Amino acid sequence: MSALARISGCLIAVMTAGSIIHAHTPVEFLEVSAGKPASLVEHTVTLQSAFDEAKVETMLSGPHHFSQAVGCLDRPAKEPIAYLNWYQIVGGKKEATRRVSVLDFMRGADNTELTIESAEYLLSPAQRITTGAPSDIPEGLDYYKAYKIVDAAALNRTVEVTDSAGGTKRQLGKPLLLCVPTKEWHHDEFFDASHDRACLVVYGLDTREQQQKFSTIDQFGLNQLQATKSQWLCVRGSLLTK
């Protein structure tokens, strides 16, 4: 049995035993690109993740990054393709460090401990617009708060990242962020977290320059982004810490 099969089996076992993640969790890997928005959004929303004791009024600025689902580890990207716009959390309260246990596809069951600090980004489900109607948002795609990971060792592992244009060998670095589902209140709307234990571990990638313009639409409306570089890979995981 391959290492990936063992890790996948562990994830499935954890999901089954604790009803932690529904089987239709809509994304496994996302490539993250830094970008510049045509219109900078500055807006306040209210958030509450599993690490928040109460609702937190949060000022956002962005989007400064954009991510889309890709294939990796011989697993194709799930359809419909998931897209997320990344908004920086501005002036957030500094949080004490905490130890959490996370099982993900890259580090496996023997290396689950991470140390996190304050939240740095909100990931907002988005639609990418090319021609015609915008792409569908996958059912169950959550909002996420991305917490900074500290003192994590680099993996220094080569992976193949695949999209509609084919596959590219990339060098995977150290874990940088832990993204956990969050509840959001925005004006009169409430967005619940549908997979409260399904997280994303964000790893550094060898940087690849990009020159690409495209339009997206999310909860803050239509915007155009100029992607400048591909730099991170989000990897699906399961949050074991209660």
C-alpha atoms as a PDB file:
ATOM      1  CA  MET A   1       0.000   0.000   0.000  1.00  0.00           C
ATOM      2  CA  SER A   2       1.378   3.432  -0.953  1.00  0.00           C
ATOM      3  CA  ALA A   3       2.015   6.204   1.593  1.00  0.00           C
ATOM      4  CA  LEU A   4      -0.751   8.276  -0.002  1.00  0.00           C
ATOM      5  CA  ALA A   5      -3.203   5.383   0.257  1.00  0.00           C
ATOM      6  CA  ARG A   6      -2.364   4.973   3.947  1.00  0.00           C
ATOM      7  CA  ILE A   7      -2.858   8.692   4.596  1.00  0.00           C
ATOM      8  CA  SER A   8      -6.107   8.713   2.609  1.00  0.00           C
ATOM      9  CA  GLY A   9      -7.242   5.720   4.640  1.00  0.00           C
ATOM     10  CA  CYS A  10      -6.407   7.560   7.870  1.00  0.00           C
ATOM     11  CA  LEU A  11      -8.397  10.588   6.746  1.00  0.00           C
ATOM     12  CA  ILE A  12     -11.379   8.438   5.804  1.00  0.00           C
ATOM     13  CA  ALA A  13     -11.179   6.558   9.115  1.00  0.00           C
ATOM     14  CA  VAL A  14     -11.072   9.808  11.070  1.00  0.00           C
ATOM     15  CA  MET A  15     -13.982  11.193   9.081  1.00  0.00           C
ATOM     16  CA  THR A  16     -16.056   8.052   9.575  1.00  0.00           C
ATOM     17  CA  ALA A  17     -15.333   7.592  13.269  1.00  0.00           C
ATOM     18  CA  GLY A  18     -16.055  11.155  14.300  1.00  0.00           C
ATOM     19  CA  SER A  19     -18.276  12.441  11.489  1.00  0.00           C
ATOM     20  CA  ILE A  20     -15.626  15.137  11.160  1.00  0.00           C
ATOM     21  CA  ILE A  21     -15.754  15.772   7.415  1.00  0.00           C
ATOM     22  CA  HIS A  22     -18.509  14.928   4.975  1.00  0.00           C
ATOM     23  CA  ALA A  23     -17.408  12.725   2.072  1.00  0.00           C
ATOM     24  CA  HIS A  24     -18.224  15.483  -0.408  1.00  0.00           C
ATOM     25  CA  THR A  25     -15.702  18.013   0.954  1.00  0.00           C
ATOM     26  CA  PRO A  26     -15.378  19.928  -2.309  1.00  0.00           C
ATOM     27  CA  VAL A  27     -11.639  20.609  -2.579  1.00  0.00           C
ATOM     28  CA  GLU A  28      -8.377  18.772  -1.858  1.00  0.00           C
ATOM     29  CA  PHE A  29      -5.641  20.981  -3.356  1.00  0.00           C
ATOM     30  CA  LEU A  30      -5.557  24.658  -4.324  1.00  0.00           C
ATOM     31  CA  GLU A  31      -2.786  26.622  -6.029  1.00  0.00           C
ATOM     32  CA  VAL A  32      -2.488  30.121  -4.547  1.00  0.00           C
ATOM     33  CA  SER A  33      -1.331  33.135  -6.547  1.00  0.00           C
ATOM     34  CA  ALA A  34      -0.501  36.613  -5.311  1.00  0.00           C
ATOM     35  CA  GLY A  35      -2.356  39.324  -7.186  1.00  0.00           C
ATOM     36  CA  LYS A  36      -3.415  42.924  -7.424  1.00  0.00           C
ATOM     37  CA  PRO A  37      -7.116  43.840  -7.523  1.00  0.00           C
ATOM     38  CA  ALA A  38      -8.442  46.472  -9.909  1.00  0.00           C
ATOM     39  CA  SER A  39     -10.641  47.720  -7.041  1.00  0.00           C
ATOM     40  CA  LEU A  40      -9.330  47.365  -3.493  1.00  0.00           C
ATOM     41  CA  VAL A  41     -12.095  46.194  -1.158  1.00  0.00           C
ATOM     42  CA  GLU A  42     -12.061  47.388   2.455  1.00  0.00           C
ATOM     43  CA  HIS A  43     -14.972  45.991   4.408  1.00  0.00           C
ATOM     44  CA  THR A  44     -15.930  44.760   7.869  1.00  0.00           C
ATOM     45  CA  VAL A  45     -17.559  41.387   8.511  1.00  0.00           C
ATOM     46  CA  THR A  46     -18.114  39.290  11.632  1.00  0.00           C
ATOM     47  CA  LEU A  47     -16.367  35.922  11.915  1.00  0.00           C
ATOM     48  CA  GLN A  48     -16.208  32.997  14.316  1.00  0.00           C
ATOM     49  CA  SER A  49     -13.998  29.960  13.769  1.00  0.00           C
ATOM     50  CA  ALA A  50     -13.498  26.957  16.032  1.00  0.00           C
ATOM     51  CA  PHE A  51     -10.653  28.903  17.695  1.00  0.00           C
ATOM     52  CA  ASP A  52     -12.822  31.936  18.533  1.00  0.00           C
ATOM     53  CA  GLU A  53     -14.711  31.967  21.823  1.00  0.00           C
ATOM     54  CA  ALA A  54     -17.100  34.611  20.465  1.00  0.00           C
ATOM     55  CA  LYS A  55     -17.895  36.498  17.274  1.00  0.00           C
ATOM     56  CA  VAL A  56     -15.078  38.754  16.061  1.00  0.00           C
ATOM     57  CA  GLU A  57     -15.696  41.951  14.092  1.00  0.00           C
ATOM     58  CA  THR A  58     -13.034  41.829  11.394  1.00  0.00           C
ATOM     59  CA  MET A  59     -11.731  44.453   8.962  1.00  0.00           C
ATOM     60  CA  LEU A  60     -10.724  43.039   5.566  1.00  0.00           C
ATOM     61  CA  SER A  61      -8.628  44.393   2.699  1.00  0.00           C
ATOM     62  CA  GLY A  62      -8.089  42.815  -0.708  1.00  0.00           C
ATOM     63  CA  PRO A  63      -8.293  40.489  -2.413  1.00  0.00           C
ATOM     64  CA  HIS A  64      -4.491  40.055  -2.345  1.00  0.00           C
ATOM     65  CA  HIS A  65      -4.388  36.380  -3.314  1.00  0.00           C
ATOM     66  CA  PHE A  66      -6.496  34.057  -5.430  1.00  0.00           C
ATOM     67  CA  SER A  67      -6.644  30.266  -5.326  1.00  0.00           C
ATOM     68  CA  GLN A  68      -8.093  27.621  -7.603  1.00  0.00           C
ATOM     69  CA  ALA A  69      -8.450  23.876  -7.241  1.00  0.00           C
ATOM     70  CA  VAL A  70      -5.722  21.787  -8.867  1.00  0.00           C
ATOM     71  CA  GLY A  71      -4.721  18.157  -8.991  1.00  0.00           C
ATOM     72  CA  CYS A  72      -1.801  16.757  -6.990  1.00  0.00           C
ATOM     73  CA  LEU A  73      -0.450  13.398  -5.770  1.00  0.00           C
ATOM     74  CA  ASP A  74      -2.132  11.706  -8.763  1.00  0.00           C
ATOM     75  CA  ARG A  75      -5.527  12.965  -7.602  1.00  0.00           C
ATOM     76  CA  PRO A  76      -7.372  15.168 -10.145  1.00  0.00           C
ATOM     77  CA  ALA A  77      -9.028  18.423  -9.142  1.00  0.00           C
ATOM     78  CA  LYS A  78     -12.595  17.927  -8.031  1.00  0.00           C
ATOM     79  CA  GLU A  79     -15.385  19.310 -10.231  1.00  0.00           C
ATOM     80  CA  PRO A  80     -16.746  21.917 -10.240  1.00  0.00           C
ATOM     81  CA  ILE A  81     -13.458  23.742  -9.725  1.00  0.00           C
ATOM     82  CA  ALA A  82     -13.296  25.656  -6.443  1.00  0.00           C
ATOM     83  CA  TYR A  83     -12.053  29.267  -6.332  1.00  0.00           C
ATOM     84  CA  LEU A  84     -11.300  31.383  -3.264  1.00  0.00           C
ATOM     85  CA  ASN A  85     -10.376  35.054  -2.939  1.00  0.00           C
ATOM     86  CA  TRP A  86      -7.998  35.884  -0.082  1.00  0.00           C
ATOM     87  CA  TYR A  87      -8.602  39.029   1.980  1.00  0.00           C
ATOM     88  CA  GLN A  88      -6.041  40.278   4.479  1.00  0.00           C
ATOM     89  CA  ILE A  89      -7.266  40.708   8.045  1.00  0.00           C
ATOM     90  CA  VAL A  90      -6.363  44.260   9.067  1.00  0.00           C
ATOM     91  CA  GLY A  91      -5.654  45.302  12.635  1.00  0.00           C
ATOM     92  CA  GLY A  92      -6.702  41.989  14.119  1.00  0.00           C
ATOM     93  CA  LYS A  93      -6.103  41.209  17.766  1.00  0.00           C
ATOM     94  CA  LYS A  94      -2.822  39.406  18.417  1.00  0.00           C
ATOM     95  CA  GLU A  95      -3.612  35.913  19.608  1.00  0.00           C
ATOM     96  CA  ALA A  96      -1.571  33.652  21.843  1.00  0.00           C
ATOM     97  CA  THR A  97       0.162  30.728  20.188  1.00  0.00           C
ATOM     98  CA  ARG A  98      -1.609  27.383  20.388  1.00  0.00           C
ATOM     99  CA  ARG A  99      -0.743  23.812  19.515  1.00  0.00           C
ATOM    100  CA  VAL A 100      -3.127  21.991  17.209  1.00  0.00           C
ATOM    101  CA  SER A 101      -3.195  18.523  15.695  1.00  0.00           C
ATOM    102  CA  VAL A 102      -3.861  18.256  11.958  1.00  0.00           C
ATOM    103  CA  LEU A 103      -3.774  15.260   9.634  1.00  0.00           C
ATOM    104  CA  ASP A 104      -3.082  16.173   5.998  1.00  0.00           C
ATOM    105  CA  PHE A 105      -2.021  14.445   2.784  1.00  0.00           C
ATOM    106  CA  MET A 106       1.590  15.695   2.874  1.00  0.00           C
ATOM    107  CA  ARG A 107       2.852  15.168   6.432  1.00  0.00           C
ATOM    108  CA  GLY A 108       0.882  12.057   7.348  1.00  0.00           C
ATOM    109  CA  ALA A 109      -0.130  10.487  10.643  1.00  0.00           C
ATOM    110  CA  ASP A 110       3.346  10.610  12.215  1.00  0.00           C
ATOM    111  CA  ASN A 111       3.644  14.398  11.966  1.00  0.00           C
ATOM    112  CA  THR A 112       0.397  16.085  12.979  1.00  0.00           C
ATOM    113  CA  GLU A 113       1.407  18.821  15.442  1.00  0.00           C
ATOM    114  CA  LEU A 114       1.412  22.487  14.378  1.00  0.00           C
ATOM    115  CA  THR A 115       1.807  25.750  16.289  1.00  0.00           C
ATOM    116  CA  ILE A 116      -0.358  28.653  15.128  1.00  0.00           C
ATOM    117  CA  GLU A 117      -0.666  32.348  15.917  1.00  0.00           C
ATOM    118  CA  SER A 118      -3.114  35.047  14.842  1.00  0.00           C
ATOM    119  CA  ALA A 119      -5.399  34.862  11.799  1.00  0.00           C
ATOM    120  CA  GLU A 120      -4.001  36.682   8.757  1.00  0.00           C
ATOM    121  CA  TYR A 121      -6.542  36.087   5.961  1.00  0.00           C
ATOM    122  CA  LEU A 122     -10.178  35.354   5.232  1.00  0.00           C
ATOM    123  CA  LEU A 123     -10.748  33.025   2.287  1.00  0.00           C
ATOM    124  CA  SER A 124     -13.994  33.853   0.509  1.00  0.00           C
ATOM    125  CA  PRO A 125     -15.646  31.499  -2.030  1.00  0.00           C
ATOM    126  CA  ALA A 126     -15.588  33.056  -5.494  1.00  0.00           C
ATOM    127  CA  GLN A 127     -16.527  32.452  -9.094  1.00  0.00           C
ATOM    128  CA  ARG A 128     -14.101  32.973 -11.946  1.00  0.00           C
ATOM    129  CA  ILE A 129     -15.558  34.640 -15.015  1.00  0.00           C
ATOM    130  CA  THR A 130     -14.192  33.899 -18.475  1.00  0.00           C
ATOM    131  CA  THR A 131     -16.940  33.889 -21.085  1.00  0.00           C
ATOM    132  CA  GLY A 132     -20.627  33.351 -20.538  1.00  0.00           C
ATOM    133  CA  ALA A 133     -22.041  32.561 -17.110  1.00  0.00           C
ATOM    134  CA  PRO A 134     -19.624  32.371 -14.147  1.00  0.00           C
ATOM    135  CA  SER A 135     -18.500  28.980 -12.892  1.00  0.00           C
ATOM    136  CA  ASP A 136     -20.556  27.291 -10.188  1.00  0.00           C
ATOM    137  CA  ILE A 137     -19.404  27.432  -6.567  1.00  0.00           C
ATOM    138  CA  PRO A 138     -19.012  23.829  -5.331  1.00  0.00           C
ATOM    139  CA  GLU A 139     -21.599  22.758  -2.796  1.00  0.00           C
ATOM    140  CA  GLY A 140     -20.186  22.908   0.724  1.00  0.00           C
ATOM    141  CA  LEU A 141     -17.258  25.245  -0.053  1.00  0.00           C
ATOM    142  CA  ASP A 142     -16.714  27.116   3.221  1.00  0.00           C
ATOM    143  CA  TYR A 143     -15.267  30.438   4.273  1.00  0.00           C
ATOM    144  CA  TYR A 144     -11.916  29.985   6.033  1.00  0.00           C
ATOM    145  CA  LYS A 145      -9.756  31.915   8.475  1.00  0.00           C
ATOM    146  CA  ALA A 146      -6.051  31.419   7.741  1.00  0.00           C
ATOM    147  CA  TYR A 147      -3.839  31.321  10.847  1.00  0.00           C
ATOM    148  CA  LYS A 148      -0.071  31.796  10.699  1.00  0.00           C
ATOM    149  CA  ILE A 149       1.966  28.644  11.386  1.00  0.00           C
ATOM    150  CA  VAL A 150       5.218  29.137  13.300  1.00  0.00           C
ATOM    151  CA  ASP A 151       8.322  26.992  13.753  1.00  0.00           C
ATOM    152  CA  ALA A 152       7.373  24.342  11.194  1.00  0.00           C
ATOM    153  CA  ALA A 153      10.024  22.392   9.290  1.00  0.00           C
ATOM    154  CA  ALA A 154      10.157  22.424   5.495  1.00  0.00           C
ATOM    155  CA  LEU A 155       9.231  19.241   3.641  1.00  0.00           C
ATOM    156  CA  ASN A 156      11.538  19.863   0.654  1.00  0.00           C
ATOM    157  CA  ARG A 157       9.424  17.543  -1.454  1.00  0.00           C
ATOM    158  CA  THR A 158       8.780  17.598  -5.201  1.00  0.00           C
ATOM    159  CA  VAL A 159       5.146  17.300  -6.269  1.00  0.00           C
ATOM    160  CA  GLU A 160       3.340  17.540  -9.594  1.00  0.00           C
ATOM    161  CA  VAL A 161       0.593  20.155  -9.693  1.00  0.00           C
ATOM    162  CA  THR A 162      -1.918  19.656 -12.516  1.00  0.00           C
ATOM    163  CA  ASP A 163      -4.546  21.901 -14.065  1.00  0.00           C
ATOM    164  CA  SER A 164      -6.271  22.186 -17.432  1.00  0.00           C
ATOM    165  CA  ALA A 165      -2.928  23.062 -19.073  1.00  0.00           C
ATOM    166  CA  GLY A 166      -1.176  19.938 -17.796  1.00  0.00           C
ATOM    167  CA  GLY A 167       1.253  19.074 -15.001  1.00  0.00           C
ATOM    168  CA  THR A 168       4.186  21.009 -13.536  1.00  0.00           C
ATOM    169  CA  LYS A 169       6.820  19.789 -11.090  1.00  0.00           C
ATOM    170  CA  ARG A 170       6.981  22.070  -8.043  1.00  0.00           C
ATOM    171  CA  GLN A 171       9.107  22.157  -4.912  1.00  0.00           C
ATOM    172  CA  LEU A 172       7.082  22.045  -1.710  1.00  0.00           C
ATOM    173  CA  GLY A 173       8.415  23.973   1.288  1.00  0.00           C
ATOM    174  CA  LYS A 174       7.262  24.449   4.863  1.00  0.00           C
ATOM    175  CA  PRO A 175       3.706  24.839   6.217  1.00  0.00           C
ATOM    176  CA  LEU A 176       2.848  28.552   6.392  1.00  0.00           C
ATOM    177  CA  LEU A 177      -0.856  28.839   7.219  1.00  0.00           C
ATOM    178  CA  LEU A 178      -3.657  26.732   8.642  1.00  0.00           C
ATOM    179  CA  CYS A 179      -7.079  27.527   7.162  1.00  0.00           C
ATOM    180  CA  VAL A 180     -10.069  26.505   9.273  1.00  0.00           C
ATOM    181  CA  PRO A 181     -13.764  26.888   8.389  1.00  0.00           C
ATOM    182  CA  THR A 182     -15.420  29.966   9.837  1.00  0.00           C
ATOM    183  CA  LYS A 183     -18.926  31.224  10.309  1.00  0.00           C
ATOM    184  CA  GLU A 184     -19.511  34.638   8.761  1.00  0.00           C
ATOM    185  CA  TRP A 185     -22.093  37.367   9.265  1.00  0.00           C
ATOM    186  CA  HIS A 186     -22.170  39.932   6.452  1.00  0.00           C
ATOM    187  CA  HIS A 187     -24.938  42.544   6.648  1.00  0.00           C
ATOM    188  CA  ASP A 188     -28.137  40.488   6.902  1.00  0.00           C
ATOM    189  CA  GLU A 189     -26.581  37.252   5.595  1.00  0.00           C
ATOM    190  CA  PHE A 190     -25.209  34.364   7.639  1.00  0.00           C
ATOM    191  CA  PHE A 191     -22.835  31.741   6.219  1.00  0.00           C
ATOM    192  CA  ASP A 192     -22.420  28.650   8.377  1.00  0.00           C
ATOM    193  CA  ALA A 193     -19.410  26.315   8.328  1.00  0.00           C
ATOM    194  CA  SER A 194     -20.564  23.113   6.658  1.00  0.00           C
ATOM    195  CA  HIS A 195     -17.375  21.092   7.316  1.00  0.00           C
ATOM    196  CA  ASP A 196     -16.147  22.349  10.676  1.00  0.00           C
ATOM    197  CA  ARG A 197     -13.218  19.888  10.895  1.00  0.00           C
ATOM    198  CA  ALA A 198     -12.085  20.034   7.256  1.00  0.00           C
ATOM    199  CA  CYS A 199      -9.067  22.324   7.124  1.00  0.00           C
ATOM    200  CA  LEU A 200      -6.399  23.350   4.621  1.00  0.00           C
ATOM    201  CA  VAL A 201      -2.665  23.395   5.335  1.00  0.00           C
ATOM    202  CA  VAL A 202      -0.885  25.962   3.161  1.00  0.00           C
ATOM    203  CA  TYR A 203       2.644  25.066   2.039  1.00  0.00           C
ATOM    204  CA  GLY A 204       5.184  27.276   0.338  1.00  0.00           C
ATOM    205  CA  LEU A 205       5.986  26.488  -3.287  1.00  0.00           C
ATOM    206  CA  ASP A 206       8.912  27.519  -5.436  1.00  0.00           C
ATOM    207  CA  THR A 207       7.702  30.823  -6.867  1.00  0.00           C
ATOM    208  CA  ARG A 208       6.623  31.005 -10.519  1.00  0.00           C
ATOM    209  CA  GLU A 209       6.033  34.390 -12.112  1.00  0.00           C
ATOM    210  CA  GLN A 210       2.611  34.949 -13.677  1.00  0.00           C
ATOM    211  CA  GLN A 211       1.097  37.589 -15.940  1.00  0.00           C
ATOM    212  CA  GLN A 212      -2.593  36.834 -16.046  1.00  0.00           C
ATOM    213  CA  LYS A 213      -5.721  38.978 -15.767  1.00  0.00           C
ATOM    214  CA  PHE A 214      -9.153  37.608 -14.995  1.00  0.00           C
ATOM    215  CA  SER A 215     -12.431  38.598 -13.359  1.00  0.00           C
ATOM    216  CA  THR A 216     -13.983  37.096 -10.239  1.00  0.00           C
ATOM    217  CA  ILE A 217     -17.158  37.651  -8.289  1.00  0.00           C
ATOM    218  CA  ASP A 218     -17.597  36.982  -4.581  1.00  0.00           C
ATOM    219  CA  GLN A 219     -19.604  38.337  -1.644  1.00  0.00           C
ATOM    220  CA  PHE A 220     -18.163  41.821  -2.269  1.00  0.00           C
ATOM    221  CA  GLY A 221     -19.063  41.909  -5.965  1.00  0.00           C
ATOM    222  CA  LEU A 222     -17.243  41.836  -9.293  1.00  0.00           C
ATOM    223  CA  ASN A 223     -13.515  42.550  -9.450  1.00  0.00           C
ATOM    224  CA  GLN A 224     -10.582  42.058 -11.784  1.00  0.00           C
ATOM    225  CA  LEU A 225      -7.331  40.533 -10.573  1.00  0.00           C
ATOM    226  CA  GLN A 226      -3.825  40.681 -11.980  1.00  0.00           C
ATOM    227  CA  ALA A 227      -2.015  37.505 -10.899  1.00  0.00           C
ATOM    228  CA  THR A 228       1.701  38.146 -10.392  1.00  0.00           C
ATOM    229  CA  LYS A 229       3.147  34.907  -9.003  1.00  0.00           C
ATOM    230  CA  SER A 230       2.177  31.374  -7.978  1.00  0.00           C
ATOM    231  CA  GLN A 231       3.597  30.756  -4.513  1.00  0.00           C
ATOM    232  CA  TRP A 232       1.557  28.450  -2.223  1.00  0.00           C
ATOM    233  CA  LEU A 233      -0.273  25.111  -2.267  1.00  0.00           C
ATOM    234  CA  CYS A 234      -3.289  24.395  -0.033  1.00  0.00           C
ATOM    235  CA  VAL A 235      -3.597  20.763   1.016  1.00  0.00           C
ATOM    236  CA  ARG A 236      -6.757  19.244   2.474  1.00  0.00           C
ATOM    237  CA  GLY A 237      -6.546  18.083   6.050  1.00  0.00           C
ATOM    238  CA  SER A 238      -8.597  17.098   9.055  1.00  0.00           C
ATOM    239  CA  LEU A 239      -8.495  19.138  12.263  1.00  0.00           C
ATOM    240  CA  LEU A 240      -8.060  16.621  15.080  1.00  0.00           C
ATOM    241  CA  THR A 241      -7.895  19.176  17.907  1.00  0.00           C
ATOM    242  CA  LYS A 242     -11.315  19.743  19.513  1.00  0.00           C
END
